[in-house]
């Protein structure tokens, strides 16, 4: 019923590109961990997403950035630059522990500390447009979001209070979500309710909405498994709810819907226990799962690991030993000196970003990195772990999906390949706001001529 109460029926007309307008809307949807290989599988029931693709534009593959994990790639989606520029290297801010101590990851650091490049939502806000986010990442207290329903929502926030008053959610549900409680399927459904409410009530010019169950399922069961297919089908149904809300709002003709992802997935059979390797070499000590002292430390992210020398004064001494150590470790495919090789991968050097490791490790096919320092085995079978990401963005299994449809988008366009760096400048063009100095490019071939 709240949809009916909140409808604003306006005349429907097409808007020209190139000038900021309050009558233009872009909805950016991220379905976490959606490989392009599964998008190409026509047996997976994705009716809402496939209809958008037929009515608009799609890419056979979308190249992502390194590190091939959630927060760096979501940040590239909204900045149009690589992590070398925007600085996000983990799912949170890296806080160096100092000599002898491991790093800590601070996930809820303010966006001003974490994201070092302008975003498209910053640009929209500066142009006087309204912005909204639901479960987006690297976006804590940005100052440029008009309506927010965060991954850990504040029951006393403006938007949650509006939802409670409208009967769309209860205070108990929002408190449970803030605590990370219940299950990820339930949280995706709550986030979808929030996204629908925001669009029905407020019609923001830019709405960013992110669901997570697909990623969790692919980690647990592996991409392409029966649970994977079920998770993708459910994500499509949630997308359908949002599309119906846009239709009911009377704003469909002025709205562009872009559906994409942060990364693909690879199947995993074995772990490389990188901190066990360091422990065996006498460079790290641990009491059970807790690191107590470390001359070197491995920050692992599935298909990539960063090796840190905790005392900069010992870097010249320890780096050659560490290179040799990991080059000889089972399951390690590449050992890259970040000072020389990070830029080629789109990442900063350690001198440019304190969160960057001294070495970059990539595993062999079938392996993933684990940070656990427990035991004496450098490698072992994965347990309750079917897939991961983080591998080189050049690996086609890490390619993601991209579909755009609606206002300003040509119908029937098929791109062989595009980059997630192209998403932010294309959104900026659709909204008519400036986003200069990006590494991506406007996807001109999918856009209609101004005024059409």
Foldseek 3Di string as FASTA:
>chain_A
DVLVVQADADDFAFFFWFAFDQLFAEEEEAEAAFALVVVPPPVQDQVQQVVLCQQFEWESWAFAAPLLDAPQRLLLLFQLAHCQQQVAHDCADWDFPFAFDHIDGHNQPALVVHTRGDTLLQLCQVSVFAEEEFQRGSHHPPVRHPYYQHQQGDCPDPLNVVCCVSVLDHSVVSNCSNVVHDDLLVSLLSSLSSLLSCCSNPVGRYYYGYGDPLVVCCFQANDPDPVNSVSSNSVSVSVVVNVVSCVSNNSQQNYKYKYKYRWHKAWAWKEQQVLLLCVVVVQWDADFQGTDTGQKAWDFFWQKIFIARNHVVCCVVCVVVVQVSQVPDPFWDDKAQQVPPVVVSSHHRCVSHVNGGRIMIGGDHNYTYDNGNDDNDRMDTDDSTTMGGSHRSVPSSTIMIIGMHHRFFHRPHYHHYAYSSQNNVQSCRSSNGDSPDRPGHHPVVGGDHTRD
